[in-house]
């Protein structure tokens, strides 16, 4: 992510001023960064009280608290921030399980979502856990990322079922 966008996002997390969020979106559009544009749109939707994919308005403040720790690559800060999510939050359960390396819990947290969202969240989990285990060398996170990768592959390429094969 562009350092300017990171700085603007950090400013928004501290001020929660819509003008700062508009500056993030403007800079992302100038750079043509689709991920930053979508992130700004998601933050805008949550700030306005609209649900966006799996995040609800109640997830807005805890997500903002995670951003500085994420940019600083501070895993313990991320774990502390993840505890602030409501207990029934899909996003909160996802982050808590992701940061703890809890494979079954993460799969349970996203079970009710559409397959495309589940695949995207599993891919994000793989990337995040691979980055996290490289710095401290936590083998549990490495093993979790491998299992998430397998689950994402299973969702992308489902095996043919025996009852479908018998109809031919």
Protein backbone atom coordinates (compact mmCIF):
# COMPACT_ATOMS: atom_id res chain seq x y z
CA UNK A 1 0.00 0.00 0.00
CA UNK A 2 1.16 3.49 -0.81
CA UNK A 3 2.75 5.22 2.23
CA UNK A 4 0.60 8.32 1.65
CA UNK A 5 -2.58 6.24 1.79
CA UNK A 6 -1.33 4.51 4.94
CA UNK A 7 -0.69 7.88 6.58
CA UNK A 8 -4.13 9.16 5.54
CA UNK A 9 -5.80 6.02 6.91
CA UNK A 10 -3.93 6.42 10.20
CA UNK A 11 -5.12 10.03 10.38
CA UNK A 12 -8.71 8.87 9.80
CA UNK A 13 -8.43 6.23 12.55
CA UNK A 14 -7.47 8.98 15.00
CA UNK A 15 -9.90 11.73 13.92
CA UNK A 16 -12.82 9.71 12.45
CA UNK A 17 -13.41 12.78 10.29
CA UNK A 18 -15.28 12.09 7.00
CA UNK A 19 -13.01 14.60 5.24
CA UNK A 20 -9.98 12.45 6.09
CA UNK A 21 -11.75 9.41 4.68
CA UNK A 22 -12.58 11.36 1.52
CA UNK A 23 -8.87 12.21 1.22
CA UNK A 24 -8.04 8.49 1.40
CA UNK A 25 -10.51 7.73 -1.38
CA UNK A 26 -9.26 10.62 -3.53
CA UNK A 27 -5.62 9.52 -3.19
CA UNK A 28 -6.57 5.90 -3.96
CA UNK A 29 -8.38 7.04 -7.11
CA UNK A 30 -5.38 9.15 -8.16
CA UNK A 31 -3.14 6.09 -7.83
CA UNK A 32 -5.72 3.77 -9.40
CA UNK A 33 -5.43 1.31 -6.50
CA UNK A 34 -8.64 -0.80 -6.55
CA UNK A 35 -7.94 -2.39 -3.14
CA UNK A 36 -7.49 0.97 -1.43
CA UNK A 37 -10.64 2.30 -3.12
CA UNK A 38 -12.66 -0.68 -1.93
CA UNK A 39 -11.20 -0.35 1.58
CA UNK A 40 -12.19 3.34 1.67
CA UNK A 41 -15.68 2.43 0.45
CA UNK A 42 -16.00 -0.23 3.15
CA UNK A 43 -14.92 2.21 5.87
CA UNK A 44 -17.35 4.81 4.50
CA UNK A 45 -20.24 2.32 4.51
CA UNK A 46 -19.54 1.27 8.10
CA UNK A 47 -19.18 4.89 9.21
CA UNK A 48 -22.60 5.63 7.71
CA UNK A 49 -24.11 2.62 9.49
CA UNK A 50 -24.51 0.43 6.41
CA UNK A 51 -23.38 -3.18 6.36
CA UNK A 52 -20.63 -4.00 3.93
CA UNK A 53 -20.13 -7.66 3.05
CA UNK A 54 -19.43 -9.26 6.43
CA UNK A 55 -18.64 -6.16 8.48
CA UNK A 56 -21.42 -4.44 10.41
CA UNK A 57 -21.54 -0.91 11.83
CA UNK A 58 -20.60 -2.35 15.25
CA UNK A 59 -17.29 -3.51 13.72
CA UNK A 60 -16.28 0.02 12.65
CA UNK A 61 -14.43 1.17 15.78
CA UNK A 62 -12.63 -2.15 16.44
CA UNK A 63 -11.49 -2.26 12.80
CA UNK A 64 -10.14 1.28 13.09
CA UNK A 65 -8.26 0.24 16.24
CA UNK A 66 -6.60 -2.61 14.30
CA UNK A 67 -5.28 -0.46 11.46
CA UNK A 68 -2.32 1.19 13.28
CA UNK A 69 -1.19 -2.20 14.66
CA UNK A 70 -1.55 -3.73 11.19
CA UNK A 71 0.52 -1.01 9.51
CA UNK A 72 3.17 -1.32 12.26
CA UNK A 73 3.19 -5.15 11.86
CA UNK A 74 2.46 -5.48 15.60
CA UNK A 75 0.87 -8.92 16.15
CA UNK A 76 0.27 -8.43 19.88
CA UNK A 77 -1.41 -5.08 19.15
CA UNK A 78 -3.62 -6.80 16.59
CA UNK A 79 -4.60 -9.44 19.13
CA UNK A 80 -5.49 -6.75 21.67
CA UNK A 81 -7.55 -4.84 19.10
CA UNK A 82 -9.37 -8.02 17.98
CA UNK A 83 -10.69 -8.49 21.52
CA UNK A 84 -12.73 -5.27 21.16
CA UNK A 85 -15.11 -6.76 18.57
CA UNK A 86 -18.58 -7.78 19.76
CA UNK A 87 -18.77 -11.51 20.63
CA UNK A 88 -21.34 -12.23 17.88
CA UNK A 89 -19.36 -10.44 15.15
CA UNK A 90 -18.31 -12.58 12.17
CA UNK A 91 -15.44 -10.17 11.51
CA UNK A 92 -14.33 -10.28 15.15
CA UNK A 93 -14.42 -14.07 15.30
CA UNK A 94 -12.51 -14.24 12.02
CA UNK A 95 -9.72 -11.96 13.29
CA UNK A 96 -9.51 -13.60 16.73
CA UNK A 97 -9.18 -17.06 15.17
CA UNK A 98 -6.78 -15.81 12.48
CA UNK A 99 -4.44 -14.27 15.03
CA UNK A 100 -4.59 -17.30 17.33
CA UNK A 101 -3.97 -19.81 14.54
CA UNK A 102 -7.32 -21.51 15.32
CA UNK A 103 -8.17 -23.27 12.05
CA UNK A 104 -11.46 -24.86 13.09
CA UNK A 105 -12.66 -21.66 14.73
CA UNK A 106 -11.91 -19.60 11.62
CA UNK A 107 -13.71 -22.07 9.36
CA UNK A 108 -16.67 -22.05 11.78
CA UNK A 109 -16.71 -18.23 11.84
CA UNK A 110 -17.11 -17.97 8.05
CA UNK A 111 -19.21 -21.09 7.46
CA UNK A 112 -22.49 -19.24 6.75
CA UNK A 113 -21.03 -16.87 4.16
CA UNK A 114 -21.25 -17.21 0.39
CA UNK A 115 -18.47 -19.37 -1.11
CA UNK A 116 -16.87 -16.39 -2.90
CA UNK A 117 -16.55 -14.50 0.42
CA UNK A 118 -15.22 -17.60 2.17
CA UNK A 119 -12.58 -18.11 -0.53
CA UNK A 120 -11.52 -14.44 -0.32
CA UNK A 121 -11.30 -14.56 3.49
CA UNK A 122 -9.33 -17.82 3.42
CA UNK A 123 -6.90 -16.34 0.88
CA UNK A 124 -6.45 -13.31 3.14
CA UNK A 125 -5.90 -15.62 6.11
CA UNK A 126 -3.20 -17.52 4.22
CA UNK A 127 -1.36 -14.31 3.29
CA UNK A 128 -1.67 -12.80 6.76
CA UNK A 129 -0.55 -15.92 8.59
CA UNK A 130 2.39 -16.45 6.26
CA UNK A 131 3.56 -12.89 6.96
CA UNK A 132 2.97 -13.27 10.71
CA UNK A 133 4.84 -16.55 11.10
CA UNK A 134 7.84 -15.31 9.12
CA UNK A 135 8.72 -12.71 11.75
CA UNK A 136 8.37 -14.68 15.05
CA UNK A 137 8.65 -18.14 13.47
CA UNK A 138 5.40 -19.44 14.99
CA UNK A 139 4.91 -22.94 13.51
CA UNK A 140 1.25 -23.00 14.56
CA UNK A 141 0.49 -20.10 12.20
CA UNK A 142 2.40 -21.80 9.37
CA UNK A 143 0.37 -24.99 9.79
CA UNK A 144 -2.85 -22.97 9.98
CA UNK A 145 -2.05 -21.15 6.74
CA UNK A 146 -1.47 -24.48 4.97
CA UNK A 147 -4.85 -25.77 6.16
CA UNK A 148 -6.60 -22.56 5.07
CA UNK A 149 -4.98 -22.89 1.66
CA UNK A 150 -6.31 -26.45 1.33
CA UNK A 151 -9.82 -25.34 2.34
CA UNK A 152 -9.78 -22.47 -0.20
CA UNK A 153 -8.69 -24.91 -2.92
CA UNK A 154 -11.47 -27.30 -1.91
CA UNK A 155 -14.04 -24.50 -2.23
CA UNK A 156 -12.67 -23.36 -5.61
CA UNK A 157 -12.47 -26.84 -7.11
CA UNK A 158 -15.16 -29.02 -5.55
CA UNK A 159 -14.77 -32.75 -6.02
CA UNK A 160 -17.37 -34.48 -8.18
CA UNK A 161 -19.90 -36.27 -6.01
CA UNK A 162 -20.63 -39.93 -6.62
CA UNK A 163 -24.35 -39.32 -7.22
CA UNK A 164 -23.55 -36.88 -10.01
CA UNK A 165 -21.30 -39.43 -11.69
CA UNK A 166 -24.01 -42.12 -11.74
CA UNK A 167 -26.42 -39.99 -13.81
CA UNK A 168 -24.30 -40.20 -16.95
